[in-house]
Amino acid sequence: MQVRRRFYFACGKLIVSLAIADHFTYCLRCKLECRTVLANVNGEYVEDLLPIMYHYLQIAYFKSKRGTVSRSLGFFIFLSSVGKLEKASRAVASYLLFLPDDQEMLSNREVYLEEEGVEAAWLRRPREEAVKYRDRERREEALLQFVDRSFKEVAEEEKGGVRNVVLEAFEKEVRKVRQ
């Protein structure tokens, strides 16, 4: 009786650990698939949606680079075009972070380098949130690849998707005890 209690206790810990790992893996897969789901705009799939947003952002900043006049507390203030050029340049760098071989954006980068007041360093420094997103995405994809490689025998693909890892592990442990 004592041996069985220990087994069930150990098996219970094993099942909880596997359940947590299985759920984490499921959530990670779902999170990485989310970008595909979100790229569906009005029923049409838009490839590379995030980089396209940086493309539109750099166009908007570039078009407004001449500065604008605004009225604040009765005074006219000229907003600096240099800040807009820096933001546009960093949007170009952010786009190239995701699609480094895009010829159109590489030629845009050359146009920015010829623009008066633009520093080359701006075109090498992508926006912070873009770098964080790209790095996190790479780490998550690497983790998922590790899980797929390491636990291939546990998480074999079937017609309906990934088999229930927890149930299989439990059945495996029960078979070991019965032998």
C-alpha atoms as a PDB file:
ATOM      1  CA  MET A   1       0.000   0.000   0.000  1.00  0.00           C
ATOM      2  CA  GLN A   2       2.832   2.394   0.856  1.00  0.00           C
ATOM      3  CA  VAL A   3       4.472   1.849  -2.557  1.00  0.00           C
ATOM      4  CA  ARG A   4       1.204   2.592  -4.373  1.00  0.00           C
ATOM      5  CA  ARG A   5       0.664   5.815  -2.456  1.00  0.00           C
ATOM      6  CA  ARG A   6       4.133   6.990  -3.366  1.00  0.00           C
ATOM      7  CA  PHE A   7       3.539   6.100  -6.999  1.00  0.00           C
ATOM      8  CA  TYR A   8       0.242   7.961  -7.181  1.00  0.00           C
ATOM      9  CA  PHE A   9       1.773  10.948  -5.421  1.00  0.00           C
ATOM     10  CA  ALA A  10       4.733  10.938  -7.817  1.00  0.00           C
ATOM     11  CA  CYS A  11       2.444  10.228 -10.746  1.00  0.00           C
ATOM     12  CA  GLY A  12       0.196  13.102  -9.673  1.00  0.00           C
ATOM     13  CA  LYS A  13       3.148  15.478  -9.647  1.00  0.00           C
ATOM     14  CA  LEU A  14       4.163  14.161 -13.037  1.00  0.00           C
ATOM     15  CA  ILE A  15       0.713  14.676 -14.473  1.00  0.00           C
ATOM     16  CA  VAL A  16       0.455  18.222 -13.102  1.00  0.00           C
ATOM     17  CA  SER A  17       3.885  19.079 -14.516  1.00  0.00           C
ATOM     18  CA  LEU A  18       2.972  17.630 -17.892  1.00  0.00           C
ATOM     19  CA  ALA A  19      -0.379  19.404 -17.852  1.00  0.00           C
ATOM     20  CA  ILE A  20       1.331  22.731 -17.192  1.00  0.00           C
ATOM     21  CA  ALA A  21       3.919  22.102 -19.899  1.00  0.00           C
ATOM     22  CA  ASP A  22       1.234  21.002 -22.349  1.00  0.00           C
ATOM     23  CA  HIS A  23      -0.873  24.088 -21.634  1.00  0.00           C
ATOM     24  CA  PHE A  24       2.151  26.399 -21.918  1.00  0.00           C
ATOM     25  CA  THR A  25       3.069  24.837 -25.269  1.00  0.00           C
ATOM     26  CA  TYR A  26      -0.513  25.192 -26.477  1.00  0.00           C
ATOM     27  CA  CYS A  27      -0.581  28.880 -25.456  1.00  0.00           C
ATOM     28  CA  LEU A  28       2.770  29.498 -27.131  1.00  0.00           C
ATOM     29  CA  ARG A  29       1.562  27.922 -30.383  1.00  0.00           C
ATOM     30  CA  CYS A  30      -1.643  29.964 -30.177  1.00  0.00           C
ATOM     31  CA  LYS A  31       0.300  33.169 -29.553  1.00  0.00           C
ATOM     32  CA  LEU A  32       2.560  32.583 -32.545  1.00  0.00           C
ATOM     33  CA  GLU A  33      -0.457  31.771 -34.745  1.00  0.00           C
ATOM     34  CA  CYS A  34      -2.123  34.995 -33.611  1.00  0.00           C
ATOM     35  CA  ARG A  35      -0.128  37.125 -36.041  1.00  0.00           C
ATOM     36  CA  THR A  36      -1.599  35.075 -38.897  1.00  0.00           C
ATOM     37  CA  VAL A  37      -5.130  35.496 -37.570  1.00  0.00           C
ATOM     38  CA  LEU A  38      -4.648  39.229 -37.052  1.00  0.00           C
ATOM     39  CA  ALA A  39      -3.305  39.619 -40.597  1.00  0.00           C
ATOM     40  CA  ASN A  40      -6.796  38.850 -41.899  1.00  0.00           C
ATOM     41  CA  VAL A  41      -8.109  42.288 -42.856  1.00  0.00           C
ATOM     42  CA  ASN A  42     -11.673  42.354 -44.158  1.00  0.00           C
ATOM     43  CA  GLY A  43     -11.453  38.697 -45.114  1.00  0.00           C
ATOM     44  CA  GLU A  44      -8.187  39.104 -46.996  1.00  0.00           C
ATOM     45  CA  TYR A  45      -4.820  37.873 -45.725  1.00  0.00           C
ATOM     46  CA  VAL A  46      -2.178  40.626 -45.625  1.00  0.00           C
ATOM     47  CA  GLU A  47       1.317  39.180 -45.629  1.00  0.00           C
ATOM     48  CA  ASP A  48       3.866  40.936 -43.392  1.00  0.00           C
ATOM     49  CA  LEU A  49       1.276  43.172 -41.751  1.00  0.00           C
ATOM     50  CA  LEU A  50       3.540  44.532 -39.011  1.00  0.00           C
ATOM     51  CA  PRO A  51       6.310  45.709 -41.363  1.00  0.00           C
ATOM     52  CA  ILE A  52       3.672  47.297 -43.593  1.00  0.00           C
ATOM     53  CA  MET A  53       2.548  49.393 -40.611  1.00  0.00           C
ATOM     54  CA  TYR A  54       6.103  50.732 -40.280  1.00  0.00           C
ATOM     55  CA  HIS A  55       6.099  51.465 -44.010  1.00  0.00           C
ATOM     56  CA  TYR A  56       2.945  53.574 -43.686  1.00  0.00           C
ATOM     57  CA  LEU A  57       4.342  55.199 -40.568  1.00  0.00           C
ATOM     58  CA  GLN A  58       7.516  56.315 -42.328  1.00  0.00           C
ATOM     59  CA  ILE A  59       5.464  57.690 -45.229  1.00  0.00           C
ATOM     60  CA  ALA A  60       3.289  59.680 -42.833  1.00  0.00           C
ATOM     61  CA  TYR A  61       6.286  61.095 -40.974  1.00  0.00           C
ATOM     62  CA  PHE A  62       8.093  61.899 -44.213  1.00  0.00           C
ATOM     63  CA  LYS A  63       5.096  63.701 -45.708  1.00  0.00           C
ATOM     64  CA  SER A  64       4.736  65.800 -42.579  1.00  0.00           C
ATOM     65  CA  LYS A  65       8.479  66.515 -42.329  1.00  0.00           C
ATOM     66  CA  ARG A  66       8.157  70.126 -43.433  1.00  0.00           C
ATOM     67  CA  GLY A  67       6.702  70.864 -40.052  1.00  0.00           C
ATOM     68  CA  THR A  68       3.302  72.099 -39.085  1.00  0.00           C
ATOM     69  CA  VAL A  69       1.985  75.214 -37.488  1.00  0.00           C
ATOM     70  CA  SER A  70      -0.248  74.844 -34.478  1.00  0.00           C
ATOM     71  CA  ARG A  71      -1.942  77.319 -32.214  1.00  0.00           C
ATOM     72  CA  SER A  72      -1.259  76.772 -28.547  1.00  0.00           C
ATOM     73  CA  LEU A  73      -2.415  79.237 -25.893  1.00  0.00           C
ATOM     74  CA  GLY A  74      -2.573  82.049 -28.436  1.00  0.00           C
ATOM     75  CA  PHE A  75       1.000  81.546 -29.684  1.00  0.00           C
ATOM     76  CA  PHE A  76       1.988  80.033 -33.008  1.00  0.00           C
ATOM     77  CA  ILE A  77       4.528  77.254 -32.653  1.00  0.00           C
ATOM     78  CA  PHE A  78       6.482  75.741 -35.532  1.00  0.00           C
ATOM     79  CA  LEU A  79       6.929  72.029 -34.917  1.00  0.00           C
ATOM     80  CA  SER A  80      10.361  70.812 -35.908  1.00  0.00           C
ATOM     81  CA  SER A  81      10.741  68.810 -39.085  1.00  0.00           C
ATOM     82  CA  VAL A  82      13.947  67.229 -37.755  1.00  0.00           C
ATOM     83  CA  GLY A  83      11.976  65.191 -35.207  1.00  0.00           C
ATOM     84  CA  LYS A  84       9.696  63.942 -37.967  1.00  0.00           C
ATOM     85  CA  LEU A  85      12.665  62.918 -40.112  1.00  0.00           C
ATOM     86  CA  GLU A  86      14.188  61.030 -37.210  1.00  0.00           C
ATOM     87  CA  LYS A  87      10.910  59.215 -36.567  1.00  0.00           C
ATOM     88  CA  ALA A  88      10.552  58.436 -40.274  1.00  0.00           C
ATOM     89  CA  SER A  89      14.144  57.150 -40.412  1.00  0.00           C
ATOM     90  CA  ARG A  90      13.585  54.931 -37.393  1.00  0.00           C
ATOM     91  CA  ALA A  91      10.385  53.580 -38.983  1.00  0.00           C
ATOM     92  CA  VAL A  92      12.468  52.645 -42.042  1.00  0.00           C
ATOM     93  CA  ALA A  93      14.980  50.882 -39.781  1.00  0.00           C
ATOM     94  CA  SER A  94      12.110  49.074 -38.033  1.00  0.00           C
ATOM     95  CA  TYR A  95      10.694  47.894 -41.353  1.00  0.00           C
ATOM     96  CA  LEU A  96      14.119  46.622 -42.418  1.00  0.00           C
ATOM     97  CA  LEU A  97      14.408  44.790 -39.108  1.00  0.00           C
ATOM     98  CA  PHE A  98      11.626  42.464 -40.288  1.00  0.00           C
ATOM     99  CA  LEU A  99      12.311  42.475 -44.038  1.00  0.00           C
ATOM    100  CA  PRO A 100      16.027  43.327 -44.476  1.00  0.00           C
ATOM    101  CA  ASP A 101      16.143  42.505 -48.209  1.00  0.00           C
ATOM    102  CA  ASP A 102      13.176  44.607 -49.333  1.00  0.00           C
ATOM    103  CA  GLN A 103      14.492  46.604 -52.307  1.00  0.00           C
ATOM    104  CA  GLU A 104      11.872  49.351 -52.106  1.00  0.00           C
ATOM    105  CA  MET A 105      12.694  50.137 -48.494  1.00  0.00           C
ATOM    106  CA  LEU A 106      16.440  49.898 -49.137  1.00  0.00           C
ATOM    107  CA  SER A 107      16.040  52.542 -51.826  1.00  0.00           C
ATOM    108  CA  ASN A 108      13.913  54.615 -49.417  1.00  0.00           C
ATOM    109  CA  ARG A 109      16.784  54.412 -46.948  1.00  0.00           C
ATOM    110  CA  GLU A 110      19.099  55.865 -49.599  1.00  0.00           C
ATOM    111  CA  VAL A 111      16.647  58.722 -50.170  1.00  0.00           C
ATOM    112  CA  TYR A 112      16.685  59.470 -46.444  1.00  0.00           C
ATOM    113  CA  LEU A 113      20.487  59.513 -46.410  1.00  0.00           C
ATOM    114  CA  GLU A 114      20.416  62.214 -49.097  1.00  0.00           C
ATOM    115  CA  GLU A 115      17.828  64.252 -47.178  1.00  0.00           C
ATOM    116  CA  GLU A 116      19.208  67.293 -45.393  1.00  0.00           C
ATOM    117  CA  GLY A 117      19.381  66.928 -41.619  1.00  0.00           C
ATOM    118  CA  VAL A 118      19.155  63.127 -41.517  1.00  0.00           C
ATOM    119  CA  GLU A 119      21.809  61.290 -39.535  1.00  0.00           C
ATOM    120  CA  ALA A 120      22.890  57.845 -40.733  1.00  0.00           C
ATOM    121  CA  ALA A 121      22.649  56.557 -37.153  1.00  0.00           C
ATOM    122  CA  TRP A 122      18.862  57.039 -37.219  1.00  0.00           C
ATOM    123  CA  LEU A 123      18.595  54.536 -40.069  1.00  0.00           C
ATOM    124  CA  ARG A 124      20.501  51.948 -38.056  1.00  0.00           C
ATOM    125  CA  ARG A 125      18.376  52.325 -34.914  1.00  0.00           C
ATOM    126  CA  PRO A 126      14.920  50.700 -35.186  1.00  0.00           C
ATOM    127  CA  ARG A 127      12.159  51.616 -32.786  1.00  0.00           C
ATOM    128  CA  GLU A 128      12.515  49.974 -29.384  1.00  0.00           C
ATOM    129  CA  GLU A 129       9.142  48.181 -29.470  1.00  0.00           C
ATOM    130  CA  ALA A 130       9.984  46.650 -32.857  1.00  0.00           C
ATOM    131  CA  VAL A 131      13.273  45.248 -31.548  1.00  0.00           C
ATOM    132  CA  LYS A 132      11.597  43.863 -28.430  1.00  0.00           C
ATOM    133  CA  TYR A 133       8.814  42.251 -30.481  1.00  0.00           C
ATOM    134  CA  ARG A 134      11.236  40.680 -32.961  1.00  0.00           C
ATOM    135  CA  ASP A 135      13.528  39.363 -30.206  1.00  0.00           C
ATOM    136  CA  ARG A 136      10.627  37.936 -28.183  1.00  0.00           C
ATOM    137  CA  GLU A 137       9.175  36.309 -31.292  1.00  0.00           C
ATOM    138  CA  ARG A 138      12.523  34.701 -32.132  1.00  0.00           C
ATOM    139  CA  ARG A 139      12.942  33.367 -28.572  1.00  0.00           C
ATOM    140  CA  GLU A 140       9.409  31.945 -28.570  1.00  0.00           C
ATOM    141  CA  GLU A 141       9.891  30.278 -31.963  1.00  0.00           C
ATOM    142  CA  ALA A 142      13.205  28.794 -30.785  1.00  0.00           C
ATOM    143  CA  LEU A 143      11.520  27.504 -27.619  1.00  0.00           C
ATOM    144  CA  LEU A 144       8.726  25.918 -29.630  1.00  0.00           C
ATOM    145  CA  GLN A 145      11.235  24.284 -31.976  1.00  0.00           C
ATOM    146  CA  PHE A 146      13.097  22.938 -28.943  1.00  0.00           C
ATOM    147  CA  VAL A 147       9.878  21.496 -27.534  1.00  0.00           C
ATOM    148  CA  ASP A 148       9.018  19.916 -30.879  1.00  0.00           C
ATOM    149  CA  ARG A 149      12.496  18.378 -31.224  1.00  0.00           C
ATOM    150  CA  SER A 150      12.865  17.276 -27.611  1.00  0.00           C
ATOM    151  CA  PHE A 151       9.430  15.815 -27.086  1.00  0.00           C
ATOM    152  CA  LYS A 152       8.763  14.486 -30.557  1.00  0.00           C
ATOM    153  CA  GLU A 153       7.842  11.025 -29.271  1.00  0.00           C
ATOM    154  CA  VAL A 154       5.413  12.538 -26.764  1.00  0.00           C
ATOM    155  CA  ALA A 155       3.756  15.060 -29.041  1.00  0.00           C
ATOM    156  CA  GLU A 156       3.337  13.194 -32.312  1.00  0.00           C
ATOM    157  CA  GLU A 157       1.033  14.804 -34.807  1.00  0.00           C
ATOM    158  CA  GLU A 158      -2.239  13.048 -35.604  1.00  0.00           C
ATOM    159  CA  LYS A 159      -5.112  13.898 -37.930  1.00  0.00           C
ATOM    160  CA  GLY A 160      -6.948  15.833 -35.232  1.00  0.00           C
ATOM    161  CA  GLY A 161      -3.870  17.703 -33.941  1.00  0.00           C
ATOM    162  CA  VAL A 162      -1.476  17.021 -31.105  1.00  0.00           C
ATOM    163  CA  ARG A 163      -2.392  14.066 -28.929  1.00  0.00           C
ATOM    164  CA  ASN A 164      -3.241  14.647 -25.313  1.00  0.00           C
ATOM    165  CA  VAL A 165       0.220  14.575 -23.732  1.00  0.00           C
ATOM    166  CA  VAL A 166      -1.031  14.289 -20.165  1.00  0.00           C
ATOM    167  CA  LEU A 167      -3.288  11.309 -20.871  1.00  0.00           C
ATOM    168  CA  GLU A 168      -0.559   9.480 -22.754  1.00  0.00           C
ATOM    169  CA  ALA A 169       1.987  10.058 -19.993  1.00  0.00           C
ATOM    170  CA  PHE A 170      -0.472   8.796 -17.411  1.00  0.00           C
ATOM    171  CA  GLU A 171      -1.243   5.673 -19.458  1.00  0.00           C
ATOM    172  CA  LYS A 172       2.491   5.059 -19.876  1.00  0.00           C
ATOM    173  CA  GLU A 173       3.079   5.281 -16.122  1.00  0.00           C
ATOM    174  CA  VAL A 174       0.118   3.001 -15.376  1.00  0.00           C
ATOM    175  CA  ARG A 175       1.507   0.406 -17.801  1.00  0.00           C
ATOM    176  CA  LYS A 176       4.881   0.542 -16.028  1.00  0.00           C
ATOM    177  CA  VAL A 177       3.263  -0.097 -12.636  1.00  0.00           C
ATOM    178  CA  ARG A 178       1.176  -3.013 -13.929  1.00  0.00           C
ATOM    179  CA  GLN A 179       4.237  -4.778 -15.309  1.00  0.00           C
END
